[in-house]
Amino acid sequence: MKQKLIVIAGTNASGKSNLGVQLAARYGGEVISADSRQVFKGLDLGSGKITPEEMQGVPHHLIDVCNPGDFFSMADFQKLAYQAIDDIHARGKIPFLVGGTGLYVDSVADGYELSDVTPDLQYRAYLETFETPALYDMLKEKLPDTDIEPKNRNRVMRALERLAADDYHPGKRNPRYDVLRLGVTWPREILKQRIDERLERRLNEGMVEEVQRLMDEGATPEFLMKLGLEYRFLTRYLLGEMPYELMVEDLARAIKKFAKRQVTWFKKTENLHWLDMQADPMAQAVSLIDAFLEK
């Protein structure tokens, strides 16, 4: 019989982290963060990382596990997530996988069969010399039926690397856990407002200063730009490539587009129960979790 895993997946500024804390506290559980940027130390405001106070004593895993600039892949995340989940189960607790990075969530919930082959840094440096459209053309030539998003540079590059290493096996899955998936988002106009409010709040709290500090401590502009969204736009602003007002306006627009892509991604997921955040999401989640744990 498979061990149980509860997933809380959602968009930026949806309130999934807070809901995860409330539910984990109620059920004596622990949280595994599924966020591709929160694994890095020092990327706090820009990644929307939950604060120690907001954790309310609930243990969180896979936050601050590597240094800015380190290589960290989906396979690295999956390996550490499996270790954390198995440890939580061994202590008689319930694991809650909470986050908005769809690939990270699915790699664990669906049990993607991934490789831990060490990347060829020389080949990666070669790939970095190409623009994303050219990289995608190279991938299409090698893998005509690829379903990777053409603009997703990281995934395109990783696929090319794995093809070069004869290590590309898409689609293979071996789920380890019995999973309940809960979805968190808001109607579009409300979500847009929440995104604007959160962005303004984080800028006031020192998000620009955070990125400047990261650069001062050695994080390269290339690394920060690859992180996307807040880190890409703030880096461009700090490098003098765009004025502050335009940066904020373009960043807000980019976050909203990203949230839309997140919804699209999660809507493709089977057996995902969307919570009505305008009603009583806690009560809805508790009802679903109680039934899930009893079966």
C-alpha atoms as a PDB file:
ATOM      1  CA  MET A   1       0.000   0.000   0.000  1.00  0.00           C
ATOM      2  CA  LYS A   2       1.439   3.371  -1.033  1.00  0.00           C
ATOM      3  CA  GLN A   3       2.116   6.120   1.478  1.00  0.00           C
ATOM      4  CA  LYS A   4      -0.015   9.238   1.139  1.00  0.00           C
ATOM      5  CA  LEU A   5       1.023  12.640  -0.162  1.00  0.00           C
ATOM      6  CA  ILE A   6      -1.099  15.796  -0.238  1.00  0.00           C
ATOM      7  CA  VAL A   7      -0.315  18.360  -2.938  1.00  0.00           C
ATOM      8  CA  ILE A   8      -1.341  22.022  -2.739  1.00  0.00           C
ATOM      9  CA  ALA A   9      -0.529  23.582  -6.102  1.00  0.00           C
ATOM     10  CA  GLY A  10      -1.382  27.043  -7.283  1.00  0.00           C
ATOM     11  CA  THR A  11      -0.483  30.304  -8.902  1.00  0.00           C
ATOM     12  CA  ASN A  12       1.660  33.164  -7.672  1.00  0.00           C
ATOM     13  CA  ALA A  13      -0.074  35.296  -5.031  1.00  0.00           C
ATOM     14  CA  SER A  14      -2.823  32.729  -4.545  1.00  0.00           C
ATOM     15  CA  GLY A  15      -2.299  32.076  -0.841  1.00  0.00           C
ATOM     16  CA  LYS A  16      -1.187  28.456  -1.241  1.00  0.00           C
ATOM     17  CA  SER A  17       1.710  28.782   1.222  1.00  0.00           C
ATOM     18  CA  ASN A  18      -0.538  30.032   4.010  1.00  0.00           C
ATOM     19  CA  LEU A  19      -3.141  27.368   3.278  1.00  0.00           C
ATOM     20  CA  GLY A  20      -0.393  24.745   3.335  1.00  0.00           C
ATOM     21  CA  VAL A  21       0.705  25.913   6.778  1.00  0.00           C
ATOM     22  CA  GLN A  22      -2.847  25.856   8.144  1.00  0.00           C
ATOM     23  CA  LEU A  23      -3.529  22.367   6.810  1.00  0.00           C
ATOM     24  CA  ALA A  24      -0.172  20.929   7.871  1.00  0.00           C
ATOM     25  CA  ALA A  25      -0.709  22.342  11.367  1.00  0.00           C
ATOM     26  CA  ARG A  26      -4.186  20.839  11.558  1.00  0.00           C
ATOM     27  CA  TYR A  27      -3.033  17.360  10.523  1.00  0.00           C
ATOM     28  CA  GLY A  28       0.345  17.348  12.258  1.00  0.00           C
ATOM     29  CA  GLY A  29       2.094  17.430   8.922  1.00  0.00           C
ATOM     30  CA  GLU A  30       5.180  18.994   7.394  1.00  0.00           C
ATOM     31  CA  VAL A  31       5.622  21.013   4.190  1.00  0.00           C
ATOM     32  CA  ILE A  32       7.901  20.333   1.235  1.00  0.00           C
ATOM     33  CA  SER A  33       8.298  23.493  -0.843  1.00  0.00           C
ATOM     34  CA  ALA A  34       7.975  22.888  -4.599  1.00  0.00           C
ATOM     35  CA  ASP A  35       9.493  26.089  -5.931  1.00  0.00           C
ATOM     36  CA  SER A  36      12.437  26.242  -8.330  1.00  0.00           C
ATOM     37  CA  ARG A  37      13.788  29.481  -6.826  1.00  0.00           C
ATOM     38  CA  GLN A  38      13.176  28.973  -3.119  1.00  0.00           C
ATOM     39  CA  VAL A  39      15.806  26.228  -3.052  1.00  0.00           C
ATOM     40  CA  PHE A  40      18.431  28.992  -3.272  1.00  0.00           C
ATOM     41  CA  LYS A  41      19.703  30.781  -0.166  1.00  0.00           C
ATOM     42  CA  GLY A  42      19.158  34.531  -0.140  1.00  0.00           C
ATOM     43  CA  LEU A  43      16.411  34.530  -2.773  1.00  0.00           C
ATOM     44  CA  ASP A  44      13.720  35.541  -0.315  1.00  0.00           C
ATOM     45  CA  LEU A  45      11.499  38.443  -1.325  1.00  0.00           C
ATOM     46  CA  GLY A  46      11.910  37.849  -5.042  1.00  0.00           C
ATOM     47  CA  SER A  47      10.810  34.222  -4.789  1.00  0.00           C
ATOM     48  CA  GLY A  48       7.990  34.906  -2.316  1.00  0.00           C
ATOM     49  CA  LYS A  49       9.707  32.625   0.189  1.00  0.00           C
ATOM     50  CA  ILE A  50       7.696  31.968   3.326  1.00  0.00           C
ATOM     51  CA  THR A  51       9.188  33.579   6.440  1.00  0.00           C
ATOM     52  CA  PRO A  52       9.916  31.727   9.708  1.00  0.00           C
ATOM     53  CA  GLU A  53       7.062  33.670  11.329  1.00  0.00           C
ATOM     54  CA  GLU A  54       4.632  32.657   8.578  1.00  0.00           C
ATOM     55  CA  MET A  55       5.603  28.998   9.034  1.00  0.00           C
ATOM     56  CA  GLN A  56       3.946  29.126  12.480  1.00  0.00           C
ATOM     57  CA  GLY A  57       6.148  26.325  13.752  1.00  0.00           C
ATOM     58  CA  VAL A  58       5.345  23.948  10.879  1.00  0.00           C
ATOM     59  CA  PRO A  59       8.570  22.327   9.582  1.00  0.00           C
ATOM     60  CA  HIS A  60       9.394  23.217   5.962  1.00  0.00           C
ATOM     61  CA  HIS A  61      11.760  21.330   3.676  1.00  0.00           C
ATOM     62  CA  LEU A  62      13.662  22.134   0.437  1.00  0.00           C
ATOM     63  CA  ILE A  63      14.042  25.813   1.229  1.00  0.00           C
ATOM     64  CA  ASP A  64      17.595  27.252   1.208  1.00  0.00           C
ATOM     65  CA  VAL A  65      19.271  23.995   0.164  1.00  0.00           C
ATOM     66  CA  CYS A  66      21.867  25.457  -2.242  1.00  0.00           C
ATOM     67  CA  ASN A  67      23.807  28.632  -2.954  1.00  0.00           C
ATOM     68  CA  PRO A  68      23.025  31.150  -5.702  1.00  0.00           C
ATOM     69  CA  GLY A  69      24.783  30.091  -8.884  1.00  0.00           C
ATOM     70  CA  ASP A  70      24.815  26.379  -8.010  1.00  0.00           C
ATOM     71  CA  PHE A  71      23.430  23.938 -10.552  1.00  0.00           C
ATOM     72  CA  PHE A  72      20.121  22.553  -9.312  1.00  0.00           C
ATOM     73  CA  SER A  73      17.921  20.439 -11.565  1.00  0.00           C
ATOM     74  CA  MET A  74      14.474  18.897 -11.426  1.00  0.00           C
ATOM     75  CA  ALA A  75      16.218  15.577 -10.737  1.00  0.00           C
ATOM     76  CA  ASP A  76      17.986  17.160  -7.752  1.00  0.00           C
ATOM     77  CA  PHE A  77      14.665  18.451  -6.471  1.00  0.00           C
ATOM     78  CA  GLN A  78      12.934  15.100  -6.917  1.00  0.00           C
ATOM     79  CA  LYS A  79      15.691  13.229  -5.100  1.00  0.00           C
ATOM     80  CA  LEU A  80      15.630  15.595  -2.108  1.00  0.00           C
ATOM     81  CA  ALA A  81      11.822  15.675  -2.067  1.00  0.00           C
ATOM     82  CA  TYR A  82      11.635  11.873  -1.994  1.00  0.00           C
ATOM     83  CA  GLN A  83      14.098  11.836   0.919  1.00  0.00           C
ATOM     84  CA  ALA A  84      12.104  14.453   2.828  1.00  0.00           C
ATOM     85  CA  ILE A  85       8.749  12.760   2.189  1.00  0.00           C
ATOM     86  CA  ASP A  86      10.053   9.341   3.238  1.00  0.00           C
ATOM     87  CA  ASP A  87      11.569  10.848   6.390  1.00  0.00           C
ATOM     88  CA  ILE A  88       8.273  12.576   7.229  1.00  0.00           C
ATOM     89  CA  HIS A  89       6.398   9.285   6.800  1.00  0.00           C
ATOM     90  CA  ALA A  90       8.979   7.443   8.925  1.00  0.00           C
ATOM     91  CA  ARG A  91       8.186   9.851  11.769  1.00  0.00           C
ATOM     92  CA  GLY A  92       4.453   9.215  11.440  1.00  0.00           C
ATOM     93  CA  LYS A  93       3.701  12.624   9.929  1.00  0.00           C
ATOM     94  CA  ILE A  94       1.820  13.638   6.774  1.00  0.00           C
ATOM     95  CA  PRO A  95       3.759  15.337   3.945  1.00  0.00           C
ATOM     96  CA  PHE A  96       2.276  18.345   2.157  1.00  0.00           C
ATOM     97  CA  LEU A  97       3.922  19.230  -1.166  1.00  0.00           C
ATOM     98  CA  VAL A  98       3.192  22.943  -1.646  1.00  0.00           C
ATOM     99  CA  GLY A  99       4.233  25.089  -4.581  1.00  0.00           C
ATOM    100  CA  GLY A 100       3.714  26.587  -7.987  1.00  0.00           C
ATOM    101  CA  THR A 101       6.525  25.065 -10.065  1.00  0.00           C
ATOM    102  CA  GLY A 102       4.450  22.614 -12.071  1.00  0.00           C
ATOM    103  CA  LEU A 103       7.340  20.440 -13.213  1.00  0.00           C
ATOM    104  CA  TYR A 104       8.666  20.076  -9.676  1.00  0.00           C
ATOM    105  CA  VAL A 105       5.222  19.156  -8.350  1.00  0.00           C
ATOM    106  CA  ASP A 106       4.574  16.613 -11.103  1.00  0.00           C
ATOM    107  CA  SER A 107       8.063  15.100 -10.942  1.00  0.00           C
ATOM    108  CA  VAL A 108       7.242  13.939  -7.404  1.00  0.00           C
ATOM    109  CA  ALA A 109       3.481  13.408  -7.564  1.00  0.00           C
ATOM    110  CA  ASP A 110       3.623  11.524 -10.870  1.00  0.00           C
ATOM    111  CA  GLY A 111       6.972   9.858 -10.216  1.00  0.00           C
ATOM    112  CA  TYR A 112       8.893  11.003 -13.274  1.00  0.00           C
ATOM    113  CA  GLU A 113      11.768   8.645 -14.024  1.00  0.00           C
ATOM    114  CA  LEU A 114      14.690  11.068 -14.127  1.00  0.00           C
ATOM    115  CA  SER A 115      18.422  10.722 -14.452  1.00  0.00           C
ATOM    116  CA  ASP A 116      21.093  12.003 -12.118  1.00  0.00           C
ATOM    117  CA  VAL A 117      23.744  12.075 -14.857  1.00  0.00           C
ATOM    118  CA  THR A 118      26.181  14.917 -14.180  1.00  0.00           C
ATOM    119  CA  PRO A 119      25.765  17.697 -16.733  1.00  0.00           C
ATOM    120  CA  ASP A 120      28.452  18.240 -19.361  1.00  0.00           C
ATOM    121  CA  LEU A 121      29.463  21.796 -18.507  1.00  0.00           C
ATOM    122  CA  GLN A 122      31.486  22.212 -21.704  1.00  0.00           C
ATOM    123  CA  TYR A 123      28.494  21.270 -23.851  1.00  0.00           C
ATOM    124  CA  ARG A 124      26.264  23.527 -21.755  1.00  0.00           C
ATOM    125  CA  ALA A 125      28.636  26.464 -22.318  1.00  0.00           C
ATOM    126  CA  TYR A 126      28.405  25.735 -26.051  1.00  0.00           C
ATOM    127  CA  LEU A 127      24.594  25.735 -25.928  1.00  0.00           C
ATOM    128  CA  GLU A 128      24.613  29.023 -24.017  1.00  0.00           C
ATOM    129  CA  THR A 129      26.074  30.720 -27.103  1.00  0.00           C
ATOM    130  CA  PHE A 130      22.775  30.213 -28.981  1.00  0.00           C
ATOM    131  CA  GLU A 131      19.551  32.196 -28.706  1.00  0.00           C
ATOM    132  CA  THR A 132      16.502  30.259 -27.506  1.00  0.00           C
ATOM    133  CA  PRO A 133      14.822  29.962 -30.971  1.00  0.00           C
ATOM    134  CA  ALA A 134      18.012  28.439 -32.375  1.00  0.00           C
ATOM    135  CA  LEU A 135      18.205  25.975 -29.476  1.00  0.00           C
ATOM    136  CA  TYR A 136      14.596  24.969 -30.073  1.00  0.00           C
ATOM    137  CA  ASP A 137      15.326  24.397 -33.770  1.00  0.00           C
ATOM    138  CA  MET A 138      18.208  22.107 -32.739  1.00  0.00           C
ATOM    139  CA  LEU A 139      15.861  20.203 -30.429  1.00  0.00           C
ATOM    140  CA  LYS A 140      13.142  19.878 -33.108  1.00  0.00           C
ATOM    141  CA  GLU A 141      15.745  18.470 -35.479  1.00  0.00           C
ATOM    142  CA  LYS A 142      16.708  15.796 -32.974  1.00  0.00           C
ATOM    143  CA  LEU A 143      13.230  15.276 -31.501  1.00  0.00           C
ATOM    144  CA  PRO A 144      10.524  16.341 -33.989  1.00  0.00           C
ATOM    145  CA  ASP A 145       7.599  15.369 -31.728  1.00  0.00           C
ATOM    146  CA  THR A 146       8.816  17.236 -28.626  1.00  0.00           C
ATOM    147  CA  ASP A 147       6.116  18.865 -26.506  1.00  0.00           C
ATOM    148  CA  ILE A 148       8.521  21.221 -24.736  1.00  0.00           C
ATOM    149  CA  GLU A 149       7.467  24.875 -24.799  1.00  0.00           C
ATOM    150  CA  PRO A 150       9.642  26.667 -27.438  1.00  0.00           C
ATOM    151  CA  LYS A 151      10.372  29.621 -25.129  1.00  0.00           C
ATOM    152  CA  ASN A 152      11.348  27.504 -22.120  1.00  0.00           C
ATOM    153  CA  ARG A 153      15.110  27.881 -22.524  1.00  0.00           C
ATOM    154  CA  ASN A 154      16.066  25.792 -19.491  1.00  0.00           C
ATOM    155  CA  ARG A 155      13.966  22.800 -20.519  1.00  0.00           C
ATOM    156  CA  VAL A 156      15.090  23.012 -24.144  1.00  0.00           C
ATOM    157  CA  MET A 157      18.742  23.095 -23.072  1.00  0.00           C
ATOM    158  CA  ARG A 158      18.309  20.265 -20.591  1.00  0.00           C
ATOM    159  CA  ALA A 159      16.643  18.107 -23.250  1.00  0.00           C
ATOM    160  CA  LEU A 160      19.511  18.784 -25.657  1.00  0.00           C
ATOM    161  CA  GLU A 161      22.023  17.884 -22.939  1.00  0.00           C
ATOM    162  CA  ARG A 162      20.262  14.629 -22.159  1.00  0.00           C
ATOM    163  CA  LEU A 163      19.965  13.742 -25.835  1.00  0.00           C
ATOM    164  CA  ALA A 164      23.692  14.339 -26.217  1.00  0.00           C
ATOM    165  CA  ALA A 165      24.315  12.029 -23.252  1.00  0.00           C
ATOM    166  CA  ASP A 166      21.906   9.415 -24.644  1.00  0.00           C
ATOM    167  CA  ASP A 167      19.872   9.885 -21.487  1.00  0.00           C
ATOM    168  CA  TYR A 168      16.515  11.153 -22.713  1.00  0.00           C
ATOM    169  CA  HIS A 169      13.528   9.037 -21.710  1.00  0.00           C
ATOM    170  CA  PRO A 170      10.456  11.312 -21.666  1.00  0.00           C
ATOM    171  CA  GLY A 171       7.114  10.103 -20.436  1.00  0.00           C
ATOM    172  CA  LYS A 172       8.280   7.325 -18.105  1.00  0.00           C
ATOM    173  CA  ARG A 173       6.523   7.508 -14.754  1.00  0.00           C
ATOM    174  CA  ASN A 174       6.536   5.396 -11.633  1.00  0.00           C
ATOM    175  CA  PRO A 175       4.386   7.057  -8.927  1.00  0.00           C
ATOM    176  CA  ARG A 176       5.638   6.338  -5.421  1.00  0.00           C
ATOM    177  CA  TYR A 177       2.725   7.774  -3.465  1.00  0.00           C
ATOM    178  CA  ASP A 178      -1.050   7.840  -3.234  1.00  0.00           C
ATOM    179  CA  VAL A 179      -1.656  11.512  -4.016  1.00  0.00           C
ATOM    180  CA  LEU A 180      -4.456  13.977  -3.285  1.00  0.00           C
ATOM    181  CA  ARG A 181      -4.111  17.170  -5.357  1.00  0.00           C
ATOM    182  CA  LEU A 182      -5.664  20.454  -4.296  1.00  0.00           C
ATOM    183  CA  GLY A 183      -5.608  23.489  -6.605  1.00  0.00           C
ATOM    184  CA  VAL A 184      -5.453  27.097  -5.425  1.00  0.00           C
ATOM    185  CA  THR A 185      -6.197  30.185  -7.518  1.00  0.00           C
ATOM    186  CA  TRP A 186      -8.623  33.104  -7.853  1.00  0.00           C
ATOM    187  CA  PRO A 187     -10.825  34.592 -10.583  1.00  0.00           C
ATOM    188  CA  ARG A 188      -8.589  36.429 -13.046  1.00  0.00           C
ATOM    189  CA  GLU A 189      -9.345  40.018 -12.008  1.00  0.00           C
ATOM    190  CA  ILE A 190      -8.953  39.277  -8.310  1.00  0.00           C
ATOM    191  CA  LEU A 191      -5.696  37.422  -8.954  1.00  0.00           C
ATOM    192  CA  LYS A 192      -4.355  40.387 -10.932  1.00  0.00           C
ATOM    193  CA  GLN A 193      -5.119  42.674  -8.001  1.00  0.00           C
ATOM    194  CA  ARG A 194      -3.444  40.280  -5.545  1.00  0.00           C
ATOM    195  CA  ILE A 195      -0.354  40.152  -7.777  1.00  0.00           C
ATOM    196  CA  ASP A 196      -0.138  43.954  -7.931  1.00  0.00           C
ATOM    197  CA  GLU A 197      -0.557  44.285  -4.173  1.00  0.00           C
ATOM    198  CA  ARG A 198       2.043  41.616  -3.421  1.00  0.00           C
ATOM    199  CA  LEU A 199       4.538  43.128  -5.849  1.00  0.00           C
ATOM    200  CA  GLU A 200       4.161  46.590  -4.304  1.00  0.00           C
ATOM    201  CA  ARG A 201       4.539  45.116  -0.823  1.00  0.00           C
ATOM    202  CA  ARG A 202       7.711  43.208  -1.686  1.00  0.00           C
ATOM    203  CA  LEU A 203       9.264  46.217  -3.408  1.00  0.00           C
ATOM    204  CA  ASN A 204       8.565  48.266  -0.271  1.00  0.00           C
ATOM    205  CA  GLU A 205      10.113  45.515   1.857  1.00  0.00           C
ATOM    206  CA  GLY A 206      13.403  45.708  -0.058  1.00  0.00           C
ATOM    207  CA  MET A 207      13.270  43.407  -3.079  1.00  0.00           C
ATOM    208  CA  VAL A 208      15.521  45.730  -5.134  1.00  0.00           C
ATOM    209  CA  GLU A 209      18.054  45.770  -2.318  1.00  0.00           C
ATOM    210  CA  GLU A 210      17.908  41.976  -2.134  1.00  0.00           C
ATOM    211  CA  VAL A 211      18.929  41.604  -5.780  1.00  0.00           C
ATOM    212  CA  GLN A 212      21.663  44.234  -5.386  1.00  0.00           C
ATOM    213  CA  ARG A 213      23.004  42.304  -2.388  1.00  0.00           C
ATOM    214  CA  LEU A 214      22.997  39.056  -4.357  1.00  0.00           C
ATOM    215  CA  MET A 215      24.994  40.742  -7.125  1.00  0.00           C
ATOM    216  CA  ASP A 216      27.396  42.257  -4.588  1.00  0.00           C
ATOM    217  CA  GLU A 217      27.935  38.811  -3.073  1.00  0.00           C
ATOM    218  CA  GLY A 218      28.844  37.289  -6.432  1.00  0.00           C
ATOM    219  CA  ALA A 219      25.601  36.137  -8.088  1.00  0.00           C
ATOM    220  CA  THR A 220      26.129  36.769 -11.792  1.00  0.00           C
ATOM    221  CA  PRO A 221      23.620  38.682 -13.906  1.00  0.00           C
ATOM    222  CA  GLU A 222      23.366  35.556 -16.095  1.00  0.00           C
ATOM    223  CA  PHE A 223      22.274  33.430 -13.132  1.00  0.00           C
ATOM    224  CA  LEU A 224      19.780  36.031 -11.918  1.00  0.00           C
ATOM    225  CA  MET A 225      18.322  36.541 -15.398  1.00  0.00           C
ATOM    226  CA  LYS A 226      17.762  32.778 -15.762  1.00  0.00           C
ATOM    227  CA  LEU A 227      15.631  32.799 -12.616  1.00  0.00           C
ATOM    228  CA  GLY A 228      13.067  34.846 -14.522  1.00  0.00           C
ATOM    229  CA  LEU A 229      10.367  37.277 -13.410  1.00  0.00           C
ATOM    230  CA  GLU A 230      11.408  39.388 -10.406  1.00  0.00           C
ATOM    231  CA  TYR A 231      15.101  38.544 -10.645  1.00  0.00           C
ATOM    232  CA  ARG A 232      15.281  39.107 -14.399  1.00  0.00           C
ATOM    233  CA  PHE A 233      13.544  42.482 -14.341  1.00  0.00           C
ATOM    234  CA  LEU A 234      15.270  43.765 -11.210  1.00  0.00           C
ATOM    235  CA  THR A 235      18.661  42.749 -12.600  1.00  0.00           C
ATOM    236  CA  ARG A 236      17.941  44.631 -15.804  1.00  0.00           C
ATOM    237  CA  TYR A 237      16.918  47.687 -13.781  1.00  0.00           C
ATOM    238  CA  LEU A 238      20.061  47.546 -11.635  1.00  0.00           C
ATOM    239  CA  LEU A 239      22.221  47.192 -14.753  1.00  0.00           C
ATOM    240  CA  GLY A 240      20.660  50.402 -16.056  1.00  0.00           C
ATOM    241  CA  GLU A 241      18.815  48.706 -18.907  1.00  0.00           C
ATOM    242  CA  MET A 242      15.373  50.072 -17.988  1.00  0.00           C
ATOM    243  CA  PRO A 243      13.898  52.797 -15.738  1.00  0.00           C
ATOM    244  CA  TYR A 244      12.238  51.873 -12.437  1.00  0.00           C
ATOM    245  CA  GLU A 245       8.651  52.729 -13.419  1.00  0.00           C
ATOM    246  CA  LEU A 246       8.867  50.698 -16.647  1.00  0.00           C
ATOM    247  CA  MET A 247      10.487  47.812 -14.778  1.00  0.00           C
ATOM    248  CA  VAL A 248       7.619  47.643 -12.267  1.00  0.00           C
ATOM    249  CA  GLU A 249       4.992  47.886 -14.997  1.00  0.00           C
ATOM    250  CA  ASP A 250       6.594  45.205 -17.192  1.00  0.00           C
ATOM    251  CA  LEU A 251       7.267  42.946 -14.209  1.00  0.00           C
ATOM    252  CA  ALA A 252       3.649  43.102 -13.038  1.00  0.00           C
ATOM    253  CA  ARG A 253       2.509  42.218 -16.540  1.00  0.00           C
ATOM    254  CA  ALA A 254       4.994  39.316 -16.750  1.00  0.00           C
ATOM    255  CA  ILE A 255       3.894  37.866 -13.398  1.00  0.00           C
ATOM    256  CA  LYS A 256       0.260  37.910 -14.543  1.00  0.00           C
ATOM    257  CA  LYS A 257       1.169  36.114 -17.776  1.00  0.00           C
ATOM    258  CA  PHE A 258       3.127  33.562 -15.769  1.00  0.00           C
ATOM    259  CA  ALA A 259       0.177  32.990 -13.407  1.00  0.00           C
ATOM    260  CA  LYS A 260      -2.000  32.369 -16.450  1.00  0.00           C
ATOM    261  CA  ARG A 261       0.490  29.741 -17.664  1.00  0.00           C
ATOM    262  CA  GLN A 262       0.477  28.164 -14.205  1.00  0.00           C
ATOM    263  CA  VAL A 263      -3.316  27.796 -14.331  1.00  0.00           C
ATOM    264  CA  THR A 264      -3.071  26.285 -17.814  1.00  0.00           C
ATOM    265  CA  TRP A 265      -0.456  23.804 -16.579  1.00  0.00           C
ATOM    266  CA  PHE A 266      -2.404  22.693 -13.525  1.00  0.00           C
ATOM    267  CA  LYS A 267      -5.696  22.464 -15.431  1.00  0.00           C
ATOM    268  CA  LYS A 268      -4.125  19.695 -17.496  1.00  0.00           C
ATOM    269  CA  THR A 269      -3.626  17.716 -14.296  1.00  0.00           C
ATOM    270  CA  GLU A 270      -6.058  14.875 -13.733  1.00  0.00           C
ATOM    271  CA  ASN A 271      -7.818  14.520 -10.379  1.00  0.00           C
ATOM    272  CA  LEU A 272      -6.961  18.029  -9.197  1.00  0.00           C
ATOM    273  CA  HIS A 273      -9.603  19.475  -6.889  1.00  0.00           C
ATOM    274  CA  TRP A 274      -9.848  23.252  -7.267  1.00  0.00           C
ATOM    275  CA  LEU A 275     -10.697  25.054  -4.036  1.00  0.00           C
ATOM    276  CA  ASP A 276     -13.040  28.053  -4.072  1.00  0.00           C
ATOM    277  CA  MET A 277     -10.848  30.686  -2.434  1.00  0.00           C
ATOM    278  CA  GLN A 278     -13.779  33.103  -2.211  1.00  0.00           C
ATOM    279  CA  ALA A 279     -15.780  30.687  -0.093  1.00  0.00           C
ATOM    280  CA  ASP A 280     -14.166  28.584   2.666  1.00  0.00           C
ATOM    281  CA  PRO A 281     -11.124  26.861   1.141  1.00  0.00           C
ATOM    282  CA  MET A 282     -10.019  25.472   4.498  1.00  0.00           C
ATOM    283  CA  ALA A 283     -13.320  23.652   5.026  1.00  0.00           C
ATOM    284  CA  GLN A 284     -13.290  22.345   1.450  1.00  0.00           C
ATOM    285  CA  ALA A 285      -9.715  21.089   1.841  1.00  0.00           C
ATOM    286  CA  VAL A 286     -10.419  19.456   5.212  1.00  0.00           C
ATOM    287  CA  SER A 287     -13.385  17.568   3.773  1.00  0.00           C
ATOM    288  CA  LEU A 288     -11.296  16.259   0.873  1.00  0.00           C
ATOM    289  CA  ILE A 289      -8.306  15.392   3.059  1.00  0.00           C
ATOM    290  CA  ASP A 290     -10.423  13.582   5.684  1.00  0.00           C
ATOM    291  CA  ALA A 291     -11.949  11.387   2.970  1.00  0.00           C
ATOM    292  CA  PHE A 292      -8.526  10.808   1.407  1.00  0.00           C
ATOM    293  CA  LEU A 293      -6.895   9.769   4.686  1.00  0.00           C
ATOM    294  CA  GLU A 294      -9.749   7.429   5.589  1.00  0.00           C
ATOM    295  CA  LYS A 295      -9.756   5.439   2.372  1.00  0.00           C
END
